[in-house]
Amino acid sequence: MAKAAFLFPGQGAQQVGMGKEIADLPAARELFDRASTVLGYDLYARCTEGPEVRLNATDVCQPALYVAGLAAVERLRSQRPDVVARAQGAAGLSLGEYTAFAFAGAFSFEDGLRVVKVRGESMQAAADARASGMVSVLGLDEAKVAELATAASTNGRVWLANFLCLGNIAVSGDKTACDEVERLAEAAGATKTVRLQVAGAFHTEIMASASAKLREALETIEIRPPRIPVYSNVDAAAHDEPDEIRLLLVRQVCEPVLWESSMRRMLEDGFDEFFELGPGRVLAGLLKRIQRKTAVENIGV
């Protein structure tokens, strides 16, 4: 039997209209209702109706993707409960790591959402305080992207932040430096650059104020050993000690996302069937770039 893993998307996967596919599924809609009680606004309406500018805001987008990922699990459970029951591992890109831990039972739905709310609000505040952003550079290797980041850091600061797959590395930093990376990457022969739909320089020291607030929020909730391995963005390994999980989730805000390493580790650990749960198909596309013949299916909302 195939060894199944669940993958949960991060910020940038959101789109107005997500949630409509599960409109008639009570278990999924209940998650949105419970979330609205915690958040103080109608999350389902925000997801399905927008406006886009509000859904894309970090303080809304992160809770929305957290709930959408778990709603996608309920959709899959209603169609193929055996797949959900036999999932043996999980991972999530940036924000999606919280969804993965919630699915794995490390914390309750509501506790996870409360922390995600703080994470989104504090990251939005850090972004508002300093003009910054993220850019994916396609078609260049890590050494070349690092060289470009060093050159661009004479005009602000920029760091390598998301190691997504071979030839797809996201840099993150001051807006002026990100602009310079785009210019330099074109001259260096990059296939293209993509400005990510995020508010600021995530996974860099620019998010230090958010990291401090997140640490406080994580101390207020109970974290249990997950029932299945969840692979960390920080070190591409699975952890089951609650205090260690807290520390890694705090570190994740300011440290690079090792997504390609996480996927390779899962493949080495025998996972051969993957499900991307939530809006978009970004993670499926990345996995196909890492190992083309890997079976991966998207379960949307």
Protein backbone atom coordinates (compact mmCIF):
# COMPACT_ATOMS: atom_id res chain seq x y z
CA MET A 1 0.00 0.00 0.00
CA ALA A 2 1.18 3.51 -0.81
CA LYS A 3 2.53 5.65 2.03
CA ALA A 4 0.48 8.85 1.99
CA ALA A 5 1.46 12.35 3.13
CA PHE A 6 -0.59 15.54 3.35
CA LEU A 7 0.83 18.89 2.24
CA PHE A 8 -0.68 22.26 3.16
CA PRO A 9 -0.05 25.49 1.20
CA GLY A 10 1.17 28.79 2.54
CA GLN A 11 0.53 32.44 1.83
CA GLY A 12 0.19 33.21 -1.85
CA ALA A 13 -2.14 30.25 -2.53
CA GLN A 14 -5.22 32.22 -1.47
CA GLN A 15 -7.81 33.29 -4.01
CA VAL A 16 -11.20 34.92 -3.77
CA GLY A 17 -13.81 32.18 -4.17
CA MET A 18 -12.02 29.55 -2.13
CA GLY A 19 -14.55 27.75 0.01
CA LYS A 20 -17.27 27.55 -2.62
CA GLU A 21 -16.44 23.95 -3.45
CA ILE A 22 -17.26 22.89 0.11
CA ALA A 23 -20.32 25.14 0.52
CA ASP A 24 -22.65 22.15 0.97
CA LEU A 25 -20.36 20.10 3.19
CA PRO A 26 -21.44 20.58 6.83
CA ALA A 27 -18.19 19.44 8.46
CA ALA A 28 -16.16 21.90 6.39
CA ARG A 29 -18.58 24.80 6.79
CA GLU A 30 -18.59 24.22 10.54
CA LEU A 31 -14.86 24.96 10.60
CA PHE A 32 -15.49 28.36 9.02
CA ASP A 33 -18.27 29.05 11.53
CA ARG A 34 -16.04 28.14 14.47
CA ALA A 35 -13.27 30.27 13.00
CA SER A 36 -15.54 33.28 12.68
CA THR A 37 -16.30 33.04 16.40
CA VAL A 38 -12.58 33.15 17.21
CA LEU A 39 -11.72 35.86 14.67
CA GLY A 40 -14.72 38.14 15.15
CA TYR A 41 -15.66 38.38 11.46
CA ASP A 42 -17.28 36.18 8.80
CA LEU A 43 -14.27 34.29 7.44
CA TYR A 44 -16.30 32.32 4.89
CA ALA A 45 -17.66 35.52 3.35
CA ARG A 46 -14.17 36.99 3.24
CA CYS A 47 -12.87 33.89 1.41
CA THR A 48 -15.73 33.54 -1.06
CA GLU A 49 -16.53 37.21 -1.68
CA GLY A 50 -13.34 39.13 -0.96
CA PRO A 51 -12.47 41.84 -1.66
CA GLU A 52 -9.14 40.54 -2.93
CA VAL A 53 -7.11 43.29 -1.26
CA ARG A 54 -8.52 42.31 2.13
CA LEU A 55 -8.14 38.55 1.65
CA ASN A 56 -4.53 39.08 0.59
CA ALA A 57 -3.73 41.02 3.77
CA THR A 58 -1.56 38.87 6.02
CA ASP A 59 -3.82 39.19 9.07
CA VAL A 60 -6.74 37.69 7.09
CA CYS A 61 -4.91 35.48 4.63
CA GLN A 62 -3.14 33.34 7.22
CA PRO A 63 -6.26 32.36 9.19
CA ALA A 64 -8.09 31.84 5.89
CA LEU A 65 -5.51 29.39 4.57
CA TYR A 66 -5.30 27.55 7.89
CA VAL A 67 -9.06 26.95 7.89
CA ALA A 68 -9.21 26.23 4.15
CA GLY A 69 -6.59 23.50 4.47
CA LEU A 70 -8.49 21.75 7.23
CA ALA A 71 -11.75 22.19 5.30
CA ALA A 72 -10.08 20.42 2.37
CA VAL A 73 -9.29 17.54 4.74
CA GLU A 74 -13.01 17.31 5.55
CA ARG A 75 -13.82 17.30 1.84
CA LEU A 76 -11.42 14.40 1.28
CA ARG A 77 -12.77 12.64 4.36
CA SER A 78 -16.32 12.83 2.93
CA GLN A 79 -15.18 11.31 -0.36
CA ARG A 80 -12.39 8.89 0.60
CA PRO A 81 -12.21 8.48 4.37
CA ASP A 82 -9.66 5.70 3.97
CA VAL A 83 -7.09 8.16 2.56
CA VAL A 84 -7.40 10.48 5.58
CA ALA A 85 -7.19 7.52 7.95
CA ARG A 86 -3.98 6.20 6.43
CA ALA A 87 -2.08 9.50 6.11
CA GLN A 88 1.26 8.86 7.82
CA GLY A 89 3.01 12.22 7.54
CA ALA A 90 2.45 15.91 6.85
CA ALA A 91 4.20 19.15 6.02
CA GLY A 92 3.14 22.70 5.30
CA LEU A 93 4.80 25.62 3.57
CA SER A 94 5.34 28.45 6.06
CA LEU A 95 1.81 29.16 7.41
CA GLY A 96 0.81 25.70 6.16
CA GLU A 97 2.98 24.12 8.84
CA TYR A 98 0.37 25.20 11.40
CA THR A 99 -2.32 23.47 9.36
CA ALA A 100 -0.17 20.34 9.26
CA PHE A 101 0.28 20.35 13.04
CA ALA A 102 -3.44 20.87 13.60
CA PHE A 103 -4.23 17.93 11.29
CA ALA A 104 -1.67 15.85 13.19
CA GLY A 105 -3.37 16.67 16.51
CA ALA A 106 -0.50 18.68 18.01
CA PHE A 107 -2.98 21.36 19.03
CA SER A 108 -6.70 21.97 18.78
CA PHE A 109 -8.33 23.74 15.83
CA GLU A 110 -9.19 26.78 17.95
CA ASP A 111 -5.80 26.99 19.68
CA GLY A 112 -4.00 26.79 16.38
CA LEU A 113 -6.24 29.46 14.91
CA ARG A 114 -5.63 31.80 17.86
CA VAL A 115 -1.89 31.50 17.33
CA VAL A 116 -2.23 31.93 13.57
CA LYS A 117 -4.28 35.08 14.21
CA VAL A 118 -1.44 36.53 16.28
CA ARG A 119 1.10 35.39 13.70
CA GLY A 120 -0.77 37.06 10.85
CA GLU A 121 -1.41 40.30 12.73
CA SER A 122 2.16 40.62 14.01
CA MET A 123 3.72 39.79 10.63
CA GLN A 124 1.45 42.36 8.98
CA ALA A 125 2.54 44.94 11.56
CA ALA A 126 6.22 44.15 10.97
CA ALA A 127 5.68 44.48 7.23
CA ASP A 128 3.86 47.80 7.63
CA ALA A 129 6.80 49.16 9.63
CA ARG A 130 9.35 48.63 6.83
CA ALA A 131 8.86 48.54 3.05
CA SER A 132 9.84 45.02 2.09
CA GLY A 133 8.80 41.99 0.07
CA MET A 134 9.73 38.66 -1.50
CA VAL A 135 10.76 37.64 -5.01
CA SER A 136 11.06 34.14 -6.46
CA VAL A 137 14.02 33.77 -8.82
CA LEU A 138 13.53 31.03 -11.41
CA GLY A 139 16.19 29.31 -13.47
CA LEU A 140 19.30 30.10 -11.42
CA ASP A 141 21.12 27.89 -8.91
CA GLU A 142 21.53 28.67 -5.21
CA ALA A 143 25.09 29.98 -5.56
CA LYS A 144 24.08 32.45 -8.25
CA VAL A 145 21.02 33.67 -6.33
CA ALA A 146 23.20 34.13 -3.24
CA GLU A 147 25.61 36.18 -5.36
CA LEU A 148 22.75 38.37 -6.58
CA ALA A 149 21.45 38.83 -3.02
CA THR A 150 24.90 39.95 -1.86
CA ALA A 151 25.15 42.44 -4.72
CA ALA A 152 21.64 43.76 -4.11
CA SER A 153 22.26 44.20 -0.37
CA THR A 154 24.24 47.37 -1.07
CA ASN A 155 20.82 48.95 -1.56
CA GLY A 156 18.98 47.63 1.52
CA ARG A 157 19.15 44.06 2.82
CA VAL A 158 17.94 40.87 1.17
CA TRP A 159 18.30 37.22 2.17
CA LEU A 160 17.63 33.80 0.62
CA ALA A 161 14.36 32.81 2.30
CA ASN A 162 12.52 29.98 0.53
CA PHE A 163 14.36 27.01 -0.97
CA LEU A 164 11.42 25.65 -2.95
CA CYS A 165 12.97 23.36 -5.56
CA LEU A 166 15.90 23.27 -7.94
CA GLY A 167 15.93 26.56 -9.83
CA ASN A 168 13.26 28.19 -7.66
CA ILE A 169 14.59 30.18 -4.72
CA ALA A 170 12.77 33.10 -3.12
CA VAL A 171 14.67 36.05 -1.73
CA SER A 172 13.20 38.29 0.96
CA GLY A 173 14.17 41.74 2.19
CA ASP A 174 13.88 45.49 1.76
CA LYS A 175 11.84 46.59 -1.23
CA THR A 176 14.76 48.46 -2.76
CA ALA A 177 16.94 45.35 -2.54
CA CYS A 178 14.18 43.13 -3.98
CA ASP A 179 13.86 45.53 -6.90
CA GLU A 180 17.60 45.25 -7.43
CA VAL A 181 17.49 41.44 -7.34
CA GLU A 182 14.85 41.50 -10.09
CA ARG A 183 17.08 43.72 -12.25
CA LEU A 184 20.21 41.67 -11.61
CA ALA A 185 18.43 38.35 -12.14
CA GLU A 186 17.25 39.38 -15.59
CA ALA A 187 20.80 40.37 -16.54
CA ALA A 188 22.11 37.07 -15.13
CA GLY A 189 19.82 35.00 -17.34
CA ALA A 190 17.08 33.99 -14.92
CA THR A 191 14.07 32.42 -16.62
CA LYS A 192 11.94 34.99 -14.80
CA THR A 193 11.28 36.55 -11.41
CA VAL A 194 7.95 36.57 -9.60
CA ARG A 195 7.03 39.13 -6.92
CA LEU A 196 5.18 37.10 -4.27
CA GLN A 197 1.76 38.08 -2.92
CA VAL A 198 2.98 38.74 0.60
CA ALA A 199 3.07 41.91 2.68
CA GLY A 200 6.76 41.93 3.56
CA ALA A 201 10.08 40.20 4.06
CA PHE A 202 8.93 36.96 5.65
CA HIS A 203 11.51 34.47 6.95
CA THR A 204 14.10 37.18 7.64
CA GLU A 205 15.20 39.21 10.64
CA ILE A 206 12.78 41.95 9.52
CA MET A 207 10.09 39.79 11.18
CA ALA A 208 11.84 39.83 14.59
CA SER A 209 9.01 41.77 16.29
CA ALA A 210 6.49 39.20 15.02
CA SER A 211 8.68 36.39 16.34
CA ALA A 212 8.52 37.82 19.86
CA LYS A 213 4.71 38.07 19.79
CA LEU A 214 4.39 34.59 18.36
CA ARG A 215 6.54 33.15 21.14
CA GLU A 216 4.15 34.63 23.71
CA ALA A 217 1.10 33.25 21.89
CA LEU A 218 2.54 29.74 21.61
CA GLU A 219 3.20 29.68 25.36
CA THR A 220 -0.55 30.07 25.99
CA ILE A 221 -1.65 26.89 24.22
CA GLU A 222 -1.25 23.18 24.86
CA ILE A 223 0.96 21.39 22.36
CA ARG A 224 0.93 17.61 22.26
CA PRO A 225 3.20 15.17 20.41
CA PRO A 226 1.71 14.89 16.90
CA ARG A 227 0.14 11.53 16.05
CA ILE A 228 2.04 11.46 12.73
CA PRO A 229 5.38 13.06 11.76
CA VAL A 230 5.24 16.71 10.69
CA TYR A 231 8.35 17.85 8.83
CA SER A 232 9.68 21.22 9.97
CA ASN A 233 10.41 24.10 7.58
CA VAL A 234 13.44 25.01 9.70
CA ASP A 235 15.43 21.77 9.50
CA ALA A 236 13.42 19.40 7.26
CA ALA A 237 13.05 16.92 10.13
CA ALA A 238 10.11 15.66 12.19
CA HIS A 239 9.87 16.48 15.90
CA ASP A 240 7.50 15.25 18.61
CA GLU A 241 8.62 17.13 21.74
CA PRO A 242 6.16 20.01 22.43
CA ASP A 243 8.74 22.56 23.61
CA GLU A 244 10.89 21.82 20.59
CA ILE A 245 7.89 22.31 18.30
CA ARG A 246 7.20 25.69 19.94
CA LEU A 247 10.79 26.78 19.41
CA LEU A 248 10.83 25.70 15.76
CA LEU A 249 7.57 27.51 15.01
CA VAL A 250 9.05 30.69 16.50
CA ARG A 251 12.30 30.28 14.55
CA GLN A 252 10.37 29.67 11.34
CA VAL A 253 9.21 33.31 11.13
CA CYS A 254 12.76 34.62 10.73
CA GLU A 255 14.58 31.63 9.21
CA PRO A 256 14.56 30.19 5.68
CA VAL A 257 11.99 27.60 4.58
CA LEU A 258 13.77 24.39 3.55
CA TRP A 259 10.92 23.06 1.43
CA GLU A 260 12.95 21.13 -1.13
CA SER A 261 14.93 19.44 1.67
CA SER A 262 11.68 18.58 3.47
CA MET A 263 10.23 16.94 0.37
CA ARG A 264 13.41 15.01 -0.32
CA ARG A 265 13.46 13.82 3.29
CA MET A 266 9.86 12.62 3.01
CA LEU A 267 10.65 10.79 -0.22
CA GLU A 268 13.65 9.17 1.46
CA ASP A 269 11.37 8.14 4.33
CA GLY A 270 9.20 6.19 1.92
CA PHE A 271 6.31 8.54 1.21
CA ASP A 272 5.15 7.90 -2.34
CA GLU A 273 1.63 9.35 -2.47
CA PHE A 274 1.02 13.04 -1.70
CA PHE A 275 -2.11 15.14 -1.34
CA GLU A 276 -2.07 18.92 -1.50
CA LEU A 277 -4.98 20.15 0.63
CA GLY A 278 -6.23 23.69 0.05
CA PRO A 279 -6.39 26.24 -2.75
CA GLY A 280 -3.97 26.25 -5.66
CA ARG A 281 -1.51 23.69 -6.99
CA VAL A 282 1.81 25.29 -6.06
CA LEU A 283 3.04 22.45 -3.85
CA ALA A 284 2.11 19.80 -6.41
CA GLY A 285 4.09 21.70 -9.03
CA LEU A 286 7.13 22.00 -6.77
CA LEU A 287 7.02 18.31 -5.90
CA LYS A 288 6.93 17.38 -9.58
CA ARG A 289 10.04 19.50 -10.09
CA ILE A 290 11.77 17.68 -7.24
CA GLN A 291 10.76 14.16 -8.37
CA ARG A 292 8.72 14.13 -11.55
CA LYS A 293 7.04 10.71 -11.19
CA THR A 294 5.76 11.28 -7.65
CA ALA A 295 2.01 10.77 -7.31
CA VAL A 296 0.41 14.00 -6.05
CA GLU A 297 -3.24 15.05 -6.05
CA ASN A 298 -4.81 18.38 -5.17
CA ILE A 299 -7.89 18.54 -2.94
CA GLY A 300 -9.26 22.05 -3.36
CA VAL A 301 -11.91 24.04 -1.56
